[in-house]
Amino acid sequence: MPAVRRREGRGGWWFLLAVLIAYGVLALVDQKAAVMSLRFFARVIHQVIPALGLVFLFLLIANLSLEPKWITRYLGREAGLKGWLVAIGAGILSIGPIYPWYAMLSDLRAKGMRTAFVAAFLYSRAVKLPLLPLMIHYFGFAYTTVLCLSLSVFAVFNGLIVEKLLPTRL
Protein backbone atom coordinates (compact mmCIF):
# COMPACT_ATOMS: atom_id res chain seq x y z
CA MET A 1 0.00 0.00 0.00
CA PRO A 2 1.52 3.36 -0.99
CA ALA A 3 2.37 5.81 1.74
CA VAL A 4 0.38 8.99 2.19
CA ARG A 5 2.14 11.95 0.66
CA ARG A 6 2.32 14.70 3.22
CA ARG A 7 2.40 18.29 2.15
CA GLU A 8 5.26 20.03 3.83
CA GLY A 9 5.53 23.75 3.95
CA ARG A 10 6.03 26.74 6.11
CA GLY A 11 2.35 27.52 6.68
CA GLY A 12 2.50 26.66 10.36
CA TRP A 13 5.48 28.89 10.92
CA TRP A 14 3.79 31.78 9.06
CA PHE A 15 0.70 31.33 11.22
CA LEU A 16 2.82 31.37 14.39
CA LEU A 17 4.55 34.52 13.20
CA ALA A 18 1.19 36.16 12.46
CA VAL A 19 -0.10 35.30 15.95
CA LEU A 20 3.07 36.66 17.59
CA ILE A 21 2.78 39.87 15.58
CA ALA A 22 -0.89 40.17 16.55
CA TYR A 23 0.03 39.76 20.24
CA GLY A 24 2.78 42.36 19.80
CA VAL A 25 0.42 44.86 18.19
CA LEU A 26 -2.17 44.21 20.88
CA ALA A 27 0.47 44.76 23.58
CA LEU A 28 1.36 48.11 22.01
CA VAL A 29 -2.27 49.19 21.73
CA ASP A 30 -3.70 47.76 24.97
CA GLN A 31 -1.35 46.11 27.47
CA LYS A 32 -4.16 45.04 29.79
CA ALA A 33 -5.96 43.20 26.99
CA ALA A 34 -2.69 41.54 25.92
CA VAL A 35 -2.05 40.30 29.46
CA MET A 36 -5.62 38.99 29.75
CA SER A 37 -5.26 37.26 26.40
CA LEU A 38 -1.97 35.63 27.40
CA ARG A 39 -3.48 34.46 30.71
CA PHE A 40 -6.40 32.94 28.82
CA PHE A 41 -3.94 31.23 26.46
CA ALA A 42 -2.02 29.85 29.46
CA ARG A 43 -5.25 28.45 30.97
CA VAL A 44 -6.19 26.78 27.68
CA ILE A 45 -2.72 25.26 27.32
CA HIS A 46 -2.92 24.02 30.91
CA GLN A 47 -6.21 22.27 30.07
CA VAL A 48 -4.98 20.84 26.76
CA ILE A 49 -1.65 19.43 27.96
CA PRO A 50 -3.20 16.36 29.69
CA ALA A 51 -5.23 15.50 26.57
CA LEU A 52 -2.17 15.99 24.36
CA GLY A 53 -0.16 13.77 26.68
CA LEU A 54 -2.81 11.07 26.48
CA VAL A 55 -2.95 11.23 22.69
CA PHE A 56 0.84 11.16 22.38
CA LEU A 57 0.85 8.14 24.70
CA PHE A 58 -1.68 6.48 22.38
CA LEU A 59 0.50 7.43 19.41
CA LEU A 60 3.52 5.86 21.07
CA ILE A 61 1.60 2.68 21.86
CA ALA A 62 0.19 2.61 18.32
CA ASN A 63 3.62 3.08 16.78
CA LEU A 64 5.15 0.35 18.94
CA SER A 65 2.37 -2.19 18.70
CA LEU A 66 0.23 -1.55 15.64
CA GLU A 67 1.87 -2.73 12.49
CA PRO A 68 0.59 -1.53 9.12
CA LYS A 69 -0.48 -5.13 8.50
CA TRP A 70 -2.81 -5.03 11.55
CA ILE A 71 -4.18 -1.59 10.61
CA THR A 72 -4.79 -2.74 7.05
CA ARG A 73 -6.57 -5.83 8.34
CA TYR A 74 -8.83 -4.10 10.88
CA LEU A 75 -9.06 -0.55 9.53
CA GLY A 76 -8.14 -0.89 5.87
CA ARG A 77 -10.11 -1.40 2.65
CA GLU A 78 -11.05 -5.00 3.41
CA ALA A 79 -11.94 -4.51 7.09
CA GLY A 80 -15.70 -4.61 6.58
CA LEU A 81 -17.99 -4.57 9.61
CA LYS A 82 -15.08 -4.97 12.06
CA GLY A 83 -13.54 -1.75 10.79
CA TRP A 84 -16.78 0.18 11.22
CA LEU A 85 -17.22 -1.18 14.75
CA VAL A 86 -13.62 -0.33 15.70
CA ALA A 87 -13.84 3.20 14.26
CA ILE A 88 -17.22 4.02 15.79
CA GLY A 89 -16.40 2.38 19.13
CA ALA A 90 -13.07 4.21 19.36
CA GLY A 91 -14.79 7.48 18.47
CA ILE A 92 -17.36 7.01 21.22
CA LEU A 93 -14.68 6.08 23.76
CA SER A 94 -12.33 8.93 22.81
CA ILE A 95 -12.11 11.75 25.33
CA GLY A 96 -10.82 15.29 25.43
CA PRO A 97 -10.66 17.93 22.73
CA ILE A 98 -10.76 16.80 19.14
CA TYR A 99 -7.62 18.46 17.78
CA PRO A 100 -5.09 16.21 19.55
CA TRP A 101 -6.75 13.20 17.92
CA TYR A 102 -6.00 14.55 14.45
CA ALA A 103 -2.34 13.58 14.77
CA MET A 104 -3.17 10.02 15.73
CA LEU A 105 -5.74 9.66 12.96
CA SER A 106 -3.30 11.08 10.43
CA ASP A 107 -0.68 8.57 11.54
CA LEU A 108 -3.14 5.67 11.33
CA ARG A 109 -4.30 6.85 7.92
CA ALA A 110 -0.69 6.97 6.74
CA LYS A 111 -0.37 3.34 7.85
CA GLY A 112 -3.44 2.26 5.87
CA MET A 113 -6.57 3.31 7.77
CA ARG A 114 -9.50 3.84 5.44
CA THR A 115 -10.70 7.44 4.98
CA ALA A 116 -14.28 6.39 5.75
CA PHE A 117 -13.20 5.06 9.15
CA VAL A 118 -11.46 8.34 9.99
CA ALA A 119 -14.67 10.23 9.21
CA ALA A 120 -16.75 7.71 11.19
CA PHE A 121 -14.43 8.09 14.18
CA LEU A 122 -14.77 11.87 14.10
CA TYR A 123 -18.55 11.76 13.62
CA SER A 124 -19.15 9.23 16.39
CA ARG A 125 -17.39 11.46 18.90
CA ALA A 126 -20.78 13.16 19.26
CA VAL A 127 -21.80 10.31 21.58
CA LYS A 128 -20.36 11.22 24.98
CA LEU A 129 -20.46 8.31 27.42
CA PRO A 130 -19.97 10.41 30.58
CA LEU A 131 -22.97 12.55 29.63
CA LEU A 132 -25.37 9.69 28.85
CA PRO A 133 -26.84 9.47 32.39
CA LEU A 134 -27.60 13.20 32.34
CA MET A 135 -29.10 12.91 28.88
CA ILE A 136 -31.26 9.98 29.98
CA HIS A 137 -32.40 12.03 32.99
CA TYR A 138 -33.47 15.00 30.85
CA PHE A 139 -34.71 13.27 27.68
CA GLY A 140 -35.49 9.69 28.69
CA PHE A 141 -33.97 6.35 27.83
CA ALA A 142 -35.81 5.86 24.53
CA TYR A 143 -34.76 9.24 23.11
CA THR A 144 -31.15 8.78 24.20
CA THR A 145 -31.00 5.28 22.71
CA VAL A 146 -32.51 6.37 19.38
CA LEU A 147 -30.19 9.39 19.19
CA CYS A 148 -27.03 7.38 19.97
CA LEU A 149 -27.96 4.64 17.51
CA SER A 150 -28.78 7.16 14.78
CA LEU A 151 -25.47 8.96 15.38
CA SER A 152 -23.67 5.63 15.01
CA VAL A 153 -25.57 4.73 11.82
CA PHE A 154 -25.02 8.17 10.33
CA ALA A 155 -21.32 7.89 11.18
CA VAL A 156 -21.22 5.09 8.61
CA PHE A 157 -23.10 7.18 6.01
CA ASN A 158 -20.88 10.16 6.72
CA GLY A 159 -17.77 8.01 6.33
CA LEU A 160 -18.95 6.62 3.01
CA ILE A 161 -19.82 10.10 1.70
CA VAL A 162 -16.46 11.55 2.75
CA GLU A 163 -14.66 8.64 1.13
CA LYS A 164 -16.57 9.16 -2.14
CA LEU A 165 -15.89 12.91 -2.16
CA LEU A 166 -12.19 12.73 -1.34
CA PRO A 167 -9.41 10.98 -3.19
CA THR A 168 -8.15 7.82 -1.51
CA ARG A 169 -4.71 9.30 -0.91
CA LEU A 170 -3.92 12.95 -0.40
C-alpha atoms as a PDB file:
ATOM      1  CA  MET A   1       0.000   0.000   0.000  1.00  0.00           C
ATOM      2  CA  PRO A   2       1.519   3.362  -0.992  1.00  0.00           C
ATOM      3  CA  ALA A   3       2.370   5.810   1.744  1.00  0.00           C
ATOM      4  CA  VAL A   4       0.383   8.992   2.193  1.00  0.00           C
ATOM      5  CA  ARG A   5       2.145  11.952   0.663  1.00  0.00           C
ATOM      6  CA  ARG A   6       2.318  14.705   3.221  1.00  0.00           C
ATOM      7  CA  ARG A   7       2.405  18.291   2.147  1.00  0.00           C
ATOM      8  CA  GLU A   8       5.262  20.025   3.831  1.00  0.00           C
ATOM      9  CA  GLY A   9       5.534  23.751   3.951  1.00  0.00           C
ATOM     10  CA  ARG A  10       6.032  26.740   6.114  1.00  0.00           C
ATOM     11  CA  GLY A  11       2.346  27.518   6.676  1.00  0.00           C
ATOM     12  CA  GLY A  12       2.496  26.655  10.362  1.00  0.00           C
ATOM     13  CA  TRP A  13       5.481  28.894  10.915  1.00  0.00           C
ATOM     14  CA  TRP A  14       3.793  31.775   9.055  1.00  0.00           C
ATOM     15  CA  PHE A  15       0.699  31.333  11.218  1.00  0.00           C
ATOM     16  CA  LEU A  16       2.816  31.367  14.391  1.00  0.00           C
ATOM     17  CA  LEU A  17       4.555  34.519  13.203  1.00  0.00           C
ATOM     18  CA  ALA A  18       1.190  36.163  12.463  1.00  0.00           C
ATOM     19  CA  VAL A  19      -0.096  35.299  15.946  1.00  0.00           C
ATOM     20  CA  LEU A  20       3.067  36.660  17.587  1.00  0.00           C
ATOM     21  CA  ILE A  21       2.782  39.871  15.579  1.00  0.00           C
ATOM     22  CA  ALA A  22      -0.894  40.168  16.549  1.00  0.00           C
ATOM     23  CA  TYR A  23       0.029  39.765  20.238  1.00  0.00           C
ATOM     24  CA  GLY A  24       2.780  42.359  19.800  1.00  0.00           C
ATOM     25  CA  VAL A  25       0.417  44.865  18.194  1.00  0.00           C
ATOM     26  CA  LEU A  26      -2.167  44.207  20.884  1.00  0.00           C
ATOM     27  CA  ALA A  27       0.471  44.760  23.582  1.00  0.00           C
ATOM     28  CA  LEU A  28       1.363  48.113  22.005  1.00  0.00           C
ATOM     29  CA  VAL A  29      -2.270  49.193  21.727  1.00  0.00           C
ATOM     30  CA  ASP A  30      -3.704  47.764  24.973  1.00  0.00           C
ATOM     31  CA  GLN A  31      -1.348  46.113  27.473  1.00  0.00           C
ATOM     32  CA  LYS A  32      -4.156  45.044  29.792  1.00  0.00           C
ATOM     33  CA  ALA A  33      -5.958  43.198  26.985  1.00  0.00           C
ATOM     34  CA  ALA A  34      -2.685  41.541  25.919  1.00  0.00           C
ATOM     35  CA  VAL A  35      -2.048  40.296  29.459  1.00  0.00           C
ATOM     36  CA  MET A  36      -5.625  38.995  29.746  1.00  0.00           C
ATOM     37  CA  SER A  37      -5.255  37.262  26.396  1.00  0.00           C
ATOM     38  CA  LEU A  38      -1.970  35.626  27.404  1.00  0.00           C
ATOM     39  CA  ARG A  39      -3.478  34.463  30.705  1.00  0.00           C
ATOM     40  CA  PHE A  40      -6.404  32.938  28.821  1.00  0.00           C
ATOM     41  CA  PHE A  41      -3.941  31.227  26.464  1.00  0.00           C
ATOM     42  CA  ALA A  42      -2.023  29.850  29.458  1.00  0.00           C
ATOM     43  CA  ARG A  43      -5.249  28.447  30.970  1.00  0.00           C
ATOM     44  CA  VAL A  44      -6.192  26.777  27.680  1.00  0.00           C
ATOM     45  CA  ILE A  45      -2.719  25.259  27.317  1.00  0.00           C
ATOM     46  CA  HIS A  46      -2.920  24.021  30.912  1.00  0.00           C
ATOM     47  CA  GLN A  47      -6.212  22.269  30.073  1.00  0.00           C
ATOM     48  CA  VAL A  48      -4.983  20.841  26.765  1.00  0.00           C
ATOM     49  CA  ILE A  49      -1.646  19.427  27.958  1.00  0.00           C
ATOM     50  CA  PRO A  50      -3.199  16.362  29.686  1.00  0.00           C
ATOM     51  CA  ALA A  51      -5.225  15.499  26.571  1.00  0.00           C
ATOM     52  CA  LEU A  52      -2.170  15.986  24.362  1.00  0.00           C
ATOM     53  CA  GLY A  53      -0.161  13.775  26.678  1.00  0.00           C
ATOM     54  CA  LEU A  54      -2.814  11.067  26.481  1.00  0.00           C
ATOM     55  CA  VAL A  55      -2.952  11.229  22.691  1.00  0.00           C
ATOM     56  CA  PHE A  56       0.837  11.161  22.382  1.00  0.00           C
ATOM     57  CA  LEU A  57       0.855   8.141  24.696  1.00  0.00           C
ATOM     58  CA  PHE A  58      -1.680   6.478  22.378  1.00  0.00           C
ATOM     59  CA  LEU A  59       0.501   7.429  19.407  1.00  0.00           C
ATOM     60  CA  LEU A  60       3.525   5.862  21.074  1.00  0.00           C
ATOM     61  CA  ILE A  61       1.605   2.679  21.858  1.00  0.00           C
ATOM     62  CA  ALA A  62       0.187   2.610  18.323  1.00  0.00           C
ATOM     63  CA  ASN A  63       3.625   3.083  16.782  1.00  0.00           C
ATOM     64  CA  LEU A  64       5.149   0.355  18.941  1.00  0.00           C
ATOM     65  CA  SER A  65       2.367  -2.190  18.701  1.00  0.00           C
ATOM     66  CA  LEU A  66       0.230  -1.545  15.635  1.00  0.00           C
ATOM     67  CA  GLU A  67       1.873  -2.727  12.486  1.00  0.00           C
ATOM     68  CA  PRO A  68       0.591  -1.531   9.116  1.00  0.00           C
ATOM     69  CA  LYS A  69      -0.483  -5.134   8.499  1.00  0.00           C
ATOM     70  CA  TRP A  70      -2.809  -5.030  11.550  1.00  0.00           C
ATOM     71  CA  ILE A  71      -4.175  -1.595  10.612  1.00  0.00           C
ATOM     72  CA  THR A  72      -4.795  -2.744   7.051  1.00  0.00           C
ATOM     73  CA  ARG A  73      -6.567  -5.832   8.338  1.00  0.00           C
ATOM     74  CA  TYR A  74      -8.833  -4.104  10.884  1.00  0.00           C
ATOM     75  CA  LEU A  75      -9.062  -0.555   9.529  1.00  0.00           C
ATOM     76  CA  GLY A  76      -8.140  -0.885   5.868  1.00  0.00           C
ATOM     77  CA  ARG A  77     -10.112  -1.402   2.651  1.00  0.00           C
ATOM     78  CA  GLU A  78     -11.053  -4.996   3.410  1.00  0.00           C
ATOM     79  CA  ALA A  79     -11.935  -4.513   7.090  1.00  0.00           C
ATOM     80  CA  GLY A  80     -15.705  -4.605   6.580  1.00  0.00           C
ATOM     81  CA  LEU A  81     -17.990  -4.568   9.612  1.00  0.00           C
ATOM     82  CA  LYS A  82     -15.083  -4.971  12.064  1.00  0.00           C
ATOM     83  CA  GLY A  83     -13.545  -1.747  10.788  1.00  0.00           C
ATOM     84  CA  TRP A  84     -16.778   0.177  11.224  1.00  0.00           C
ATOM     85  CA  LEU A  85     -17.221  -1.176  14.752  1.00  0.00           C
ATOM     86  CA  VAL A  86     -13.623  -0.329  15.703  1.00  0.00           C
ATOM     87  CA  ALA A  87     -13.836   3.197  14.258  1.00  0.00           C
ATOM     88  CA  ILE A  88     -17.217   4.019  15.789  1.00  0.00           C
ATOM     89  CA  GLY A  89     -16.400   2.379  19.127  1.00  0.00           C
ATOM     90  CA  ALA A  90     -13.073   4.206  19.359  1.00  0.00           C
ATOM     91  CA  GLY A  91     -14.792   7.483  18.468  1.00  0.00           C
ATOM     92  CA  ILE A  92     -17.359   7.007  21.217  1.00  0.00           C
ATOM     93  CA  LEU A  93     -14.681   6.077  23.761  1.00  0.00           C
ATOM     94  CA  SER A  94     -12.328   8.935  22.813  1.00  0.00           C
ATOM     95  CA  ILE A  95     -12.105  11.748  25.329  1.00  0.00           C
ATOM     96  CA  GLY A  96     -10.821  15.294  25.427  1.00  0.00           C
ATOM     97  CA  PRO A  97     -10.662  17.932  22.734  1.00  0.00           C
ATOM     98  CA  ILE A  98     -10.756  16.800  19.137  1.00  0.00           C
ATOM     99  CA  TYR A  99      -7.624  18.457  17.780  1.00  0.00           C
ATOM    100  CA  PRO A 100      -5.088  16.206  19.545  1.00  0.00           C
ATOM    101  CA  TRP A 101      -6.750  13.203  17.922  1.00  0.00           C
ATOM    102  CA  TYR A 102      -6.004  14.549  14.452  1.00  0.00           C
ATOM    103  CA  ALA A 103      -2.335  13.584  14.771  1.00  0.00           C
ATOM    104  CA  MET A 104      -3.169  10.021  15.728  1.00  0.00           C
ATOM    105  CA  LEU A 105      -5.745   9.656  12.956  1.00  0.00           C
ATOM    106  CA  SER A 106      -3.299  11.077  10.429  1.00  0.00           C
ATOM    107  CA  ASP A 107      -0.678   8.567  11.541  1.00  0.00           C
ATOM    108  CA  LEU A 108      -3.139   5.670  11.326  1.00  0.00           C
ATOM    109  CA  ARG A 109      -4.297   6.853   7.916  1.00  0.00           C
ATOM    110  CA  ALA A 110      -0.693   6.967   6.744  1.00  0.00           C
ATOM    111  CA  LYS A 111      -0.374   3.335   7.852  1.00  0.00           C
ATOM    112  CA  GLY A 112      -3.444   2.260   5.872  1.00  0.00           C
ATOM    113  CA  MET A 113      -6.572   3.308   7.767  1.00  0.00           C
ATOM    114  CA  ARG A 114      -9.497   3.843   5.439  1.00  0.00           C
ATOM    115  CA  THR A 115     -10.705   7.444   4.978  1.00  0.00           C
ATOM    116  CA  ALA A 116     -14.282   6.387   5.750  1.00  0.00           C
ATOM    117  CA  PHE A 117     -13.199   5.061   9.146  1.00  0.00           C
ATOM    118  CA  VAL A 118     -11.465   8.341   9.987  1.00  0.00           C
ATOM    119  CA  ALA A 119     -14.674  10.230   9.214  1.00  0.00           C
ATOM    120  CA  ALA A 120     -16.753   7.713  11.190  1.00  0.00           C
ATOM    121  CA  PHE A 121     -14.432   8.088  14.181  1.00  0.00           C
ATOM    122  CA  LEU A 122     -14.766  11.866  14.100  1.00  0.00           C
ATOM    123  CA  TYR A 123     -18.545  11.765  13.616  1.00  0.00           C
ATOM    124  CA  SER A 124     -19.145   9.231  16.385  1.00  0.00           C
ATOM    125  CA  ARG A 125     -17.386  11.457  18.904  1.00  0.00           C
ATOM    126  CA  ALA A 126     -20.780  13.159  19.256  1.00  0.00           C
ATOM    127  CA  VAL A 127     -21.802  10.315  21.583  1.00  0.00           C
ATOM    128  CA  LYS A 128     -20.365  11.220  24.980  1.00  0.00           C
ATOM    129  CA  LEU A 129     -20.456   8.312  27.422  1.00  0.00           C
ATOM    130  CA  PRO A 130     -19.967  10.411  30.581  1.00  0.00           C
ATOM    131  CA  LEU A 131     -22.966  12.549  29.628  1.00  0.00           C
ATOM    132  CA  LEU A 132     -25.373   9.691  28.850  1.00  0.00           C
ATOM    133  CA  PRO A 133     -26.840   9.475  32.391  1.00  0.00           C
ATOM    134  CA  LEU A 134     -27.600  13.197  32.337  1.00  0.00           C
ATOM    135  CA  MET A 135     -29.102  12.915  28.877  1.00  0.00           C
ATOM    136  CA  ILE A 136     -31.264   9.983  29.977  1.00  0.00           C
ATOM    137  CA  HIS A 137     -32.401  12.029  32.994  1.00  0.00           C
ATOM    138  CA  TYR A 138     -33.474  14.997  30.852  1.00  0.00           C
ATOM    139  CA  PHE A 139     -34.709  13.270  27.677  1.00  0.00           C
ATOM    140  CA  GLY A 140     -35.492   9.692  28.690  1.00  0.00           C
ATOM    141  CA  PHE A 141     -33.975   6.349  27.834  1.00  0.00           C
ATOM    142  CA  ALA A 142     -35.811   5.862  24.528  1.00  0.00           C
ATOM    143  CA  TYR A 143     -34.764   9.240  23.113  1.00  0.00           C
ATOM    144  CA  THR A 144     -31.145   8.778  24.204  1.00  0.00           C
ATOM    145  CA  THR A 145     -30.997   5.280  22.712  1.00  0.00           C
ATOM    146  CA  VAL A 146     -32.505   6.372  19.382  1.00  0.00           C
ATOM    147  CA  LEU A 147     -30.186   9.393  19.193  1.00  0.00           C
ATOM    148  CA  CYS A 148     -27.031   7.381  19.970  1.00  0.00           C
ATOM    149  CA  LEU A 149     -27.963   4.638  17.508  1.00  0.00           C
ATOM    150  CA  SER A 150     -28.783   7.159  14.779  1.00  0.00           C
ATOM    151  CA  LEU A 151     -25.472   8.956  15.380  1.00  0.00           C
ATOM    152  CA  SER A 152     -23.673   5.634  15.009  1.00  0.00           C
ATOM    153  CA  VAL A 153     -25.567   4.729  11.822  1.00  0.00           C
ATOM    154  CA  PHE A 154     -25.015   8.169  10.328  1.00  0.00           C
ATOM    155  CA  ALA A 155     -21.317   7.893  11.182  1.00  0.00           C
ATOM    156  CA  VAL A 156     -21.222   5.091   8.606  1.00  0.00           C
ATOM    157  CA  PHE A 157     -23.099   7.176   6.012  1.00  0.00           C
ATOM    158  CA  ASN A 158     -20.881  10.162   6.721  1.00  0.00           C
ATOM    159  CA  GLY A 159     -17.769   8.013   6.333  1.00  0.00           C
ATOM    160  CA  LEU A 160     -18.953   6.623   3.010  1.00  0.00           C
ATOM    161  CA  ILE A 161     -19.822  10.102   1.701  1.00  0.00           C
ATOM    162  CA  VAL A 162     -16.463  11.547   2.755  1.00  0.00           C
ATOM    163  CA  GLU A 163     -14.660   8.645   1.129  1.00  0.00           C
ATOM    164  CA  LYS A 164     -16.573   9.161  -2.136  1.00  0.00           C
ATOM    165  CA  LEU A 165     -15.893  12.910  -2.159  1.00  0.00           C
ATOM    166  CA  LEU A 166     -12.193  12.726  -1.344  1.00  0.00           C
ATOM    167  CA  PRO A 167      -9.415  10.978  -3.188  1.00  0.00           C
ATOM    168  CA  THR A 168      -8.146   7.823  -1.506  1.00  0.00           C
ATOM    169  CA  ARG A 169      -4.714   9.298  -0.907  1.00  0.00           C
ATOM    170  CA  LEU A 170      -3.916  12.955  -0.396  1.00  0.00           C
END
